[in-house]
């Protein structure tokens, strides 16, 4: 399989939030979005707005940095938001139940480099980094699984 790619620069954090909110309703259980980028790149900001776009009822969306995983009931199915920054072994990830969640829930994973052999091949990879101005962000996405191609064509960036 070959990778497909898109990239876009968002000039404001609000524009990044709108893109995340547009992606949320397109997701379904079994979809995994891997959020890559350095500290401060906007991974949690992106995830928070994506989650808000599909919640059944408004609620606070805390960063899972210390809890490792936050789960939500959404209009599109169960959603797991994981932050693996503090994870040091694949065994710890297995204990969280993330491997099973990849099959049954929508999963947003920050710091996916910690997944090792658990990294799903069918995931959408999103890379966030600083853009050309203080509030801008560059988003690059790539995927191997053809099921993402139609979703990415419909995603308004």
N, C-alpha and C. Protein backbone atom coordinates (compact mmCIF):
# COMPACT_ATOMS: atom_id res chain seq x y z
N UNK A 1 0.83 -1.18 0.00
CA UNK A 1 0.00 0.00 0.00
C UNK A 1 0.88 1.25 0.00
N UNK A 2 0.42 2.27 -0.66
CA UNK A 2 1.15 3.53 -0.65
C UNK A 2 0.39 4.55 0.19
N UNK A 3 1.13 5.50 0.74
CA UNK A 3 0.53 6.52 1.60
C UNK A 3 -0.11 7.61 0.77
N UNK A 4 -1.23 8.09 1.25
CA UNK A 4 -1.89 9.27 0.72
C UNK A 4 -1.62 10.39 1.69
N UNK A 5 -1.58 11.63 1.21
CA UNK A 5 -1.21 12.75 2.07
C UNK A 5 -2.01 14.00 1.75
N UNK A 6 -2.23 14.81 2.78
CA UNK A 6 -2.74 16.17 2.61
C UNK A 6 -1.98 17.05 3.60
N UNK A 7 -1.91 18.32 3.32
CA UNK A 7 -1.33 19.26 4.28
C UNK A 7 -2.04 20.59 4.15
N UNK A 8 -2.04 21.33 5.25
CA UNK A 8 -2.71 22.62 5.28
C UNK A 8 -2.15 23.44 6.43
N UNK A 9 -2.01 24.74 6.22
CA UNK A 9 -1.63 25.63 7.32
C UNK A 9 -2.87 26.38 7.80
N UNK A 10 -3.07 26.37 9.10
CA UNK A 10 -4.16 27.12 9.74
C UNK A 10 -3.56 28.36 10.37
N UNK A 11 -4.13 29.52 10.06
CA UNK A 11 -3.55 30.78 10.52
C UNK A 11 -3.87 31.11 11.97
N UNK A 12 -4.92 30.49 12.52
CA UNK A 12 -5.30 30.78 13.91
C UNK A 12 -5.63 29.47 14.63
N UNK A 13 -5.64 29.52 15.96
CA UNK A 13 -6.03 28.33 16.72
C UNK A 13 -7.51 28.03 16.50
N UNK A 14 -8.33 29.07 16.24
CA UNK A 14 -9.74 28.84 15.94
C UNK A 14 -9.91 28.05 14.64
N UNK A 15 -9.10 28.34 13.65
CA UNK A 15 -9.18 27.61 12.38
C UNK A 15 -8.78 26.14 12.57
N UNK A 16 -7.80 25.91 13.41
CA UNK A 16 -7.41 24.53 13.72
C UNK A 16 -8.56 23.82 14.43
N UNK A 17 -9.20 24.51 15.36
CA UNK A 17 -10.34 23.94 16.10
C UNK A 17 -11.49 23.60 15.15
N UNK A 18 -11.77 24.46 14.20
CA UNK A 18 -12.84 24.20 13.23
C UNK A 18 -12.54 22.98 12.38
N UNK A 19 -11.30 22.81 11.99
CA UNK A 19 -10.92 21.62 11.20
C UNK A 19 -11.11 20.36 12.03
N UNK A 20 -10.72 20.40 13.29
CA UNK A 20 -10.91 19.23 14.16
C UNK A 20 -12.39 18.92 14.32
N UNK A 21 -13.20 19.96 14.52
CA UNK A 21 -14.65 19.76 14.69
C UNK A 21 -15.29 19.20 13.42
N UNK A 22 -14.76 19.54 12.27
CA UNK A 22 -15.28 19.00 11.01
C UNK A 22 -14.94 17.53 10.84
N UNK A 23 -13.81 17.10 11.37
CA UNK A 23 -13.39 15.70 11.26
C UNK A 23 -14.20 14.79 12.18
N UNK A 24 -14.55 15.26 13.36
CA UNK A 24 -15.22 14.43 14.36
C UNK A 24 -16.41 13.65 13.85
N UNK A 25 -17.41 14.30 13.23
CA UNK A 25 -18.59 13.56 12.78
C UNK A 25 -18.32 12.55 11.65
N UNK A 26 -17.16 12.61 11.05
CA UNK A 26 -16.81 11.67 9.97
C UNK A 26 -16.28 10.35 10.51
N UNK A 27 -15.95 10.32 11.80
CA UNK A 27 -15.33 9.14 12.39
C UNK A 27 -16.37 8.13 12.84
N UNK A 28 -15.93 6.88 12.94
CA UNK A 28 -16.80 5.79 13.39
C UNK A 28 -15.96 4.79 14.18
N UNK A 29 -16.62 3.96 15.00
CA UNK A 29 -15.86 2.97 15.77
C UNK A 29 -14.94 2.16 14.85
N UNK A 30 -13.72 1.97 15.31
CA UNK A 30 -12.68 1.31 14.52
C UNK A 30 -11.73 2.28 13.87
N UNK A 31 -12.08 3.58 13.88
CA UNK A 31 -11.18 4.61 13.34
C UNK A 31 -10.21 5.04 14.42
N UNK A 32 -8.95 5.13 14.06
CA UNK A 32 -7.92 5.61 14.97
C UNK A 32 -7.20 6.78 14.33
N UNK A 33 -7.08 7.86 15.11
CA UNK A 33 -6.36 9.06 14.67
C UNK A 33 -5.15 9.21 15.58
N UNK A 34 -3.97 9.17 14.99
CA UNK A 34 -2.72 9.29 15.73
C UNK A 34 -2.23 10.73 15.62
N UNK A 35 -2.16 11.42 16.76
CA UNK A 35 -1.78 12.83 16.79
C UNK A 35 -0.31 12.96 17.17
N UNK A 36 0.48 13.38 16.20
CA UNK A 36 1.93 13.50 16.34
C UNK A 36 2.34 14.96 16.40
N UNK A 37 3.43 15.23 17.07
CA UNK A 37 4.00 16.57 17.10
C UNK A 37 4.68 16.83 18.42
N UNK A 38 5.50 17.87 18.46
CA UNK A 38 6.23 18.18 19.69
C UNK A 38 5.29 18.76 20.76
N UNK A 39 5.80 18.87 21.98
CA UNK A 39 5.06 19.52 23.06
C UNK A 39 4.65 20.92 22.59
N UNK A 40 3.39 21.26 22.80
CA UNK A 40 2.91 22.59 22.44
C UNK A 40 2.46 22.74 21.00
N UNK A 41 2.45 21.65 20.24
CA UNK A 41 2.08 21.73 18.82
C UNK A 41 0.58 21.86 18.60
N UNK A 42 -0.23 21.54 19.62
CA UNK A 42 -1.67 21.65 19.48
C UNK A 42 -2.42 20.33 19.41
N UNK A 43 -1.78 19.24 19.81
CA UNK A 43 -2.42 17.92 19.76
C UNK A 43 -3.66 17.87 20.65
N UNK A 44 -3.54 18.31 21.89
CA UNK A 44 -4.67 18.28 22.81
C UNK A 44 -5.75 19.27 22.38
N UNK A 45 -5.36 20.43 21.90
CA UNK A 45 -6.32 21.42 21.38
C UNK A 45 -7.14 20.80 20.25
N UNK A 46 -6.47 20.14 19.33
CA UNK A 46 -7.13 19.48 18.21
C UNK A 46 -8.10 18.41 18.73
N UNK A 47 -7.60 17.54 19.61
CA UNK A 47 -8.43 16.46 20.15
C UNK A 47 -9.64 17.00 20.90
N UNK A 48 -9.44 18.02 21.71
CA UNK A 48 -10.53 18.60 22.51
C UNK A 48 -11.67 19.08 21.61
N UNK A 49 -11.34 19.76 20.53
CA UNK A 49 -12.38 20.30 19.65
C UNK A 49 -13.03 19.20 18.82
N UNK A 50 -12.27 18.19 18.45
CA UNK A 50 -12.85 17.05 17.76
C UNK A 50 -13.86 16.36 18.68
N UNK A 51 -13.49 16.11 19.92
CA UNK A 51 -14.37 15.44 20.88
C UNK A 51 -15.63 16.27 21.11
N UNK A 52 -15.49 17.57 21.33
CA UNK A 52 -16.65 18.43 21.56
C UNK A 52 -17.65 18.37 20.40
N UNK A 53 -17.15 18.16 19.19
CA UNK A 53 -18.03 18.15 18.02
C UNK A 53 -18.95 16.93 17.97
N UNK A 54 -18.68 15.91 18.78
CA UNK A 54 -19.47 14.68 18.73
C UNK A 54 -20.05 14.26 20.08
N UNK A 55 -19.90 15.07 21.11
CA UNK A 55 -20.43 14.70 22.42
C UNK A 55 -21.95 14.65 22.42
N UNK A 56 -22.51 13.75 23.22
CA UNK A 56 -23.95 13.69 23.39
C UNK A 56 -24.46 14.90 24.16
N UNK A 57 -23.69 15.34 25.14
CA UNK A 57 -24.02 16.52 25.95
C UNK A 57 -22.72 17.23 26.27
N UNK A 58 -22.75 18.55 26.36
CA UNK A 58 -21.51 19.29 26.66
C UNK A 58 -20.88 18.82 27.99
N UNK A 59 -19.58 18.69 27.99
CA UNK A 59 -18.84 18.37 29.21
C UNK A 59 -17.41 18.86 29.08
N UNK A 60 -16.73 18.93 30.22
CA UNK A 60 -15.34 19.35 30.23
C UNK A 60 -14.50 18.26 29.55
N UNK A 61 -13.51 18.68 28.77
CA UNK A 61 -12.61 17.75 28.09
C UNK A 61 -11.20 17.96 28.64
N UNK A 62 -10.85 17.26 29.73
CA UNK A 62 -9.51 17.43 30.29
C UNK A 62 -8.46 16.71 29.45
N UNK A 63 -7.24 17.16 29.57
CA UNK A 63 -6.13 16.46 28.93
C UNK A 63 -5.92 15.15 29.67
N UNK A 64 -5.73 14.05 28.95
CA UNK A 64 -5.47 12.77 29.63
C UNK A 64 -4.00 12.55 29.99
N UNK A 65 -3.23 13.62 30.13
CA UNK A 65 -1.81 13.48 30.42
C UNK A 65 -1.56 12.65 31.68
N UNK A 66 -2.36 12.85 32.72
CA UNK A 66 -2.12 12.12 33.97
C UNK A 66 -3.03 10.91 34.13
N UNK A 67 -4.23 10.96 33.54
CA UNK A 67 -5.14 9.80 33.62
C UNK A 67 -4.81 8.78 32.54
N UNK A 68 -4.05 9.17 31.53
CA UNK A 68 -3.63 8.38 30.37
C UNK A 68 -4.73 8.17 29.35
N UNK A 69 -5.97 7.90 29.81
CA UNK A 69 -7.09 7.71 28.88
C UNK A 69 -8.34 8.37 29.45
N UNK A 70 -9.07 9.05 28.60
CA UNK A 70 -10.40 9.57 28.92
C UNK A 70 -11.35 8.93 27.91
N UNK A 71 -12.51 8.49 28.36
CA UNK A 71 -13.48 7.90 27.44
C UNK A 71 -14.75 8.75 27.41
N UNK A 72 -15.42 8.72 26.25
CA UNK A 72 -16.61 9.53 26.04
C UNK A 72 -17.65 8.74 25.27
N UNK A 73 -18.92 8.97 25.60
CA UNK A 73 -20.02 8.49 24.77
C UNK A 73 -20.34 9.62 23.81
N UNK A 74 -20.37 9.31 22.52
CA UNK A 74 -20.57 10.35 21.52
C UNK A 74 -21.68 9.96 20.55
N UNK A 75 -22.03 10.88 19.70
CA UNK A 75 -23.05 10.65 18.68
C UNK A 75 -22.58 9.66 17.63
N UNK A 76 -21.28 9.43 17.54
CA UNK A 76 -20.73 8.53 16.52
C UNK A 76 -20.16 7.24 17.12
N UNK A 77 -20.36 7.03 18.41
CA UNK A 77 -19.88 5.81 19.07
C UNK A 77 -18.94 6.13 20.21
N UNK A 78 -18.46 5.11 20.91
CA UNK A 78 -17.53 5.34 22.02
C UNK A 78 -16.22 5.93 21.49
N UNK A 79 -15.66 6.84 22.27
CA UNK A 79 -14.42 7.50 21.87
C UNK A 79 -13.44 7.45 23.03
N UNK A 80 -12.20 7.05 22.71
CA UNK A 80 -11.11 7.02 23.69
C UNK A 80 -10.08 8.07 23.28
N UNK A 81 -9.69 8.90 24.24
CA UNK A 81 -8.63 9.88 24.02
C UNK A 81 -7.47 9.49 24.94
N UNK A 82 -6.36 9.11 24.34
CA UNK A 82 -5.21 8.64 25.10
C UNK A 82 -4.02 9.57 24.91
N UNK A 83 -3.31 9.81 25.98
CA UNK A 83 -2.05 10.56 25.94
C UNK A 83 -0.98 9.63 26.48
N UNK A 84 -0.10 9.18 25.61
CA UNK A 84 0.89 8.16 25.98
C UNK A 84 2.24 8.75 26.36
N UNK A 85 2.31 10.05 26.58
CA UNK A 85 3.59 10.71 26.87
C UNK A 85 4.33 10.05 28.04
N UNK A 86 3.59 9.68 29.09
CA UNK A 86 4.22 9.12 30.29
C UNK A 86 4.37 7.60 30.24
N UNK A 87 4.01 6.98 29.13
CA UNK A 87 4.10 5.52 28.98
C UNK A 87 5.53 5.14 28.59
N UNK A 88 6.03 4.08 29.20
CA UNK A 88 7.40 3.67 28.86
C UNK A 88 7.48 2.28 28.23
N UNK A 89 6.40 1.47 28.34
CA UNK A 89 6.44 0.14 27.73
C UNK A 89 5.13 -0.18 27.02
N UNK A 90 5.19 -1.03 26.04
CA UNK A 90 3.99 -1.48 25.33
C UNK A 90 3.07 -2.22 26.29
N UNK A 91 3.63 -2.90 27.27
CA UNK A 91 2.83 -3.61 28.27
C UNK A 91 1.88 -2.69 29.01
N UNK A 92 2.33 -1.48 29.30
CA UNK A 92 1.47 -0.51 29.97
C UNK A 92 0.27 -0.14 29.09
N UNK A 93 0.51 -0.05 27.79
CA UNK A 93 -0.57 0.27 26.85
C UNK A 93 -1.56 -0.88 26.80
N UNK A 94 -1.06 -2.09 26.79
CA UNK A 94 -1.94 -3.26 26.79
C UNK A 94 -2.82 -3.29 28.03
N UNK A 95 -2.25 -2.91 29.18
CA UNK A 95 -3.01 -2.86 30.43
C UNK A 95 -4.15 -1.85 30.37
N UNK A 96 -3.98 -0.79 29.61
CA UNK A 96 -5.03 0.22 29.46
C UNK A 96 -6.20 -0.30 28.63
N UNK A 97 -5.99 -1.34 27.85
CA UNK A 97 -7.04 -1.87 26.99
C UNK A 97 -7.14 -1.16 25.65
N UNK A 98 -6.12 -0.40 25.31
CA UNK A 98 -6.15 0.39 24.09
C UNK A 98 -6.19 -0.49 22.84
N UNK A 99 -5.50 -1.62 22.87
CA UNK A 99 -5.51 -2.53 21.71
C UNK A 99 -6.92 -2.96 21.34
N UNK A 100 -7.73 -3.30 22.33
CA UNK A 100 -9.12 -3.68 22.07
C UNK A 100 -9.93 -2.47 21.61
N UNK A 101 -9.67 -1.32 22.21
CA UNK A 101 -10.40 -0.10 21.83
C UNK A 101 -10.18 0.25 20.36
N UNK A 102 -9.01 -0.07 19.81
CA UNK A 102 -8.76 0.21 18.40
C UNK A 102 -9.80 -0.48 17.51
N UNK A 103 -10.34 -1.59 17.97
CA UNK A 103 -11.33 -2.34 17.19
C UNK A 103 -12.76 -1.89 17.44
N UNK A 104 -13.05 -1.37 18.64
CA UNK A 104 -14.44 -1.14 19.05
C UNK A 104 -14.81 0.32 19.25
N UNK A 105 -13.85 1.21 19.24
CA UNK A 105 -14.12 2.63 19.55
C UNK A 105 -13.37 3.52 18.55
N UNK A 106 -13.71 4.77 18.58
CA UNK A 106 -12.91 5.78 17.91
C UNK A 106 -11.77 6.10 18.87
N UNK A 107 -10.55 6.11 18.41
CA UNK A 107 -9.41 6.36 19.28
C UNK A 107 -8.60 7.55 18.78
N UNK A 108 -8.35 8.48 19.67
CA UNK A 108 -7.43 9.60 19.42
C UNK A 108 -6.24 9.35 20.31
N UNK A 109 -5.06 9.27 19.72
CA UNK A 109 -3.86 8.92 20.49
C UNK A 109 -2.80 9.98 20.30
N UNK A 110 -2.45 10.64 21.42
CA UNK A 110 -1.32 11.57 21.42
C UNK A 110 -0.07 10.78 21.80
N UNK A 111 1.05 11.14 21.21
CA UNK A 111 2.34 10.46 21.40
C UNK A 111 2.28 9.01 20.94
N UNK A 112 1.80 8.77 19.71
CA UNK A 112 1.66 7.40 19.22
C UNK A 112 2.97 6.66 18.99
N UNK A 113 4.10 7.37 19.04
CA UNK A 113 5.38 6.69 18.90
C UNK A 113 5.59 5.66 20.01
N UNK A 114 4.85 5.79 21.13
CA UNK A 114 4.95 4.84 22.25
C UNK A 114 4.24 3.52 21.96
N UNK A 115 3.42 3.46 20.91
CA UNK A 115 2.62 2.27 20.63
C UNK A 115 3.44 1.06 20.19
N UNK A 116 4.60 1.28 19.60
CA UNK A 116 5.40 0.16 19.12
C UNK A 116 4.61 -0.73 18.18
N UNK A 117 4.63 -2.04 18.43
CA UNK A 117 3.94 -2.98 17.54
C UNK A 117 2.42 -2.91 17.64
N UNK A 118 1.89 -2.16 18.61
CA UNK A 118 0.43 -1.99 18.72
C UNK A 118 -0.12 -0.91 17.79
N UNK A 119 0.77 -0.18 17.13
CA UNK A 119 0.34 0.91 16.24
C UNK A 119 -0.52 0.34 15.11
N UNK A 120 -1.78 0.79 15.01
CA UNK A 120 -2.66 0.26 13.97
C UNK A 120 -2.24 0.73 12.57
N UNK A 121 -2.14 -0.19 11.65
CA UNK A 121 -1.76 0.15 10.27
C UNK A 121 -2.85 0.93 9.56
N UNK A 122 -4.10 0.79 10.01
CA UNK A 122 -5.21 1.46 9.33
C UNK A 122 -5.50 2.85 9.88
N UNK A 123 -4.60 3.40 10.68
CA UNK A 123 -4.83 4.69 11.33
C UNK A 123 -4.61 5.87 10.38
N UNK A 124 -5.23 6.97 10.74
CA UNK A 124 -4.96 8.26 10.12
C UNK A 124 -3.89 8.94 10.96
N UNK A 125 -2.77 9.28 10.35
CA UNK A 125 -1.69 9.97 11.06
C UNK A 125 -1.84 11.47 10.83
N UNK A 126 -1.92 12.22 11.90
CA UNK A 126 -1.95 13.68 11.80
C UNK A 126 -0.71 14.21 12.49
N UNK A 127 0.01 15.06 11.78
CA UNK A 127 1.23 15.69 12.28
C UNK A 127 0.95 17.17 12.43
N UNK A 128 1.15 17.70 13.64
CA UNK A 128 0.97 19.13 13.89
C UNK A 128 2.31 19.73 14.26
N UNK A 129 2.57 20.92 13.73
CA UNK A 129 3.79 21.65 14.10
C UNK A 129 3.52 23.13 13.93
N UNK A 130 4.40 23.94 14.48
CA UNK A 130 4.26 25.39 14.37
C UNK A 130 4.23 25.81 12.91
N UNK A 131 3.38 26.81 12.64
CA UNK A 131 3.32 27.38 11.29
C UNK A 131 4.26 28.57 11.17
N UNK A 132 3.95 29.45 10.24
CA UNK A 132 4.84 30.58 9.97
C UNK A 132 4.60 31.78 10.88
N UNK A 133 3.50 31.78 11.63
CA UNK A 133 3.26 32.85 12.60
C UNK A 133 2.96 32.24 13.97
N UNK A 134 2.86 33.09 14.99
CA UNK A 134 2.75 32.61 16.37
C UNK A 134 1.56 31.66 16.60
N UNK A 135 0.39 32.01 16.07
CA UNK A 135 -0.81 31.18 16.30
C UNK A 135 -1.09 30.18 15.19
N UNK A 136 -0.28 30.17 14.16
CA UNK A 136 -0.56 29.26 13.04
C UNK A 136 0.00 27.87 13.32
N UNK A 137 -0.63 26.89 12.68
CA UNK A 137 -0.18 25.50 12.78
C UNK A 137 -0.19 24.88 11.40
N UNK A 138 0.78 24.05 11.15
CA UNK A 138 0.82 23.26 9.93
C UNK A 138 0.30 21.87 10.30
N UNK A 139 -0.67 21.40 9.54
CA UNK A 139 -1.20 20.06 9.72
C UNK A 139 -0.88 19.25 8.47
N UNK A 140 -0.30 18.11 8.68
CA UNK A 140 -0.06 17.15 7.60
C UNK A 140 -0.73 15.85 8.03
N UNK A 141 -1.41 15.21 7.11
CA UNK A 141 -2.06 13.94 7.40
C UNK A 141 -1.64 12.93 6.35
N UNK A 142 -1.46 11.69 6.79
CA UNK A 142 -1.18 10.62 5.84
C UNK A 142 -1.87 9.36 6.31
N UNK A 143 -2.14 8.49 5.36
CA UNK A 143 -2.84 7.24 5.64
C UNK A 143 -2.50 6.22 4.58
N UNK A 144 -2.61 4.96 4.95
CA UNK A 144 -2.40 3.85 4.03
C UNK A 144 -3.72 3.20 3.62
N UNK A 145 -4.64 3.09 4.57
CA UNK A 145 -5.90 2.39 4.32
C UNK A 145 -6.81 3.23 3.42
N UNK A 146 -7.29 2.65 2.31
CA UNK A 146 -8.11 3.40 1.37
C UNK A 146 -9.42 3.93 1.97
N UNK A 147 -9.87 3.38 3.09
CA UNK A 147 -11.12 3.88 3.68
C UNK A 147 -11.00 5.33 4.13
N UNK A 148 -9.77 5.82 4.35
CA UNK A 148 -9.58 7.22 4.74
C UNK A 148 -9.65 8.16 3.53
N UNK A 149 -9.44 7.66 2.35
CA UNK A 149 -9.37 8.53 1.17
C UNK A 149 -10.65 9.34 0.98
N UNK A 150 -11.80 8.70 1.03
CA UNK A 150 -13.06 9.42 0.86
C UNK A 150 -13.30 10.39 2.01
N UNK A 151 -12.97 9.98 3.22
CA UNK A 151 -13.13 10.87 4.37
C UNK A 151 -12.26 12.11 4.22
N UNK A 152 -11.06 11.92 3.75
CA UNK A 152 -10.15 13.06 3.59
C UNK A 152 -10.59 13.99 2.45
N UNK A 153 -11.19 13.43 1.40
CA UNK A 153 -11.73 14.27 0.33
C UNK A 153 -12.87 15.14 0.83
N UNK A 154 -13.65 14.59 1.77
CA UNK A 154 -14.81 15.32 2.31
C UNK A 154 -14.44 16.28 3.44
N UNK A 155 -13.26 16.09 4.03
CA UNK A 155 -12.85 16.92 5.15
C UNK A 155 -12.53 18.31 4.65
N UNK A 156 -13.24 19.28 5.17
CA UNK A 156 -13.05 20.68 4.74
C UNK A 156 -11.87 21.27 5.50
N UNK A 157 -10.80 21.54 4.79
CA UNK A 157 -9.61 22.16 5.42
C UNK A 157 -9.47 23.59 4.96
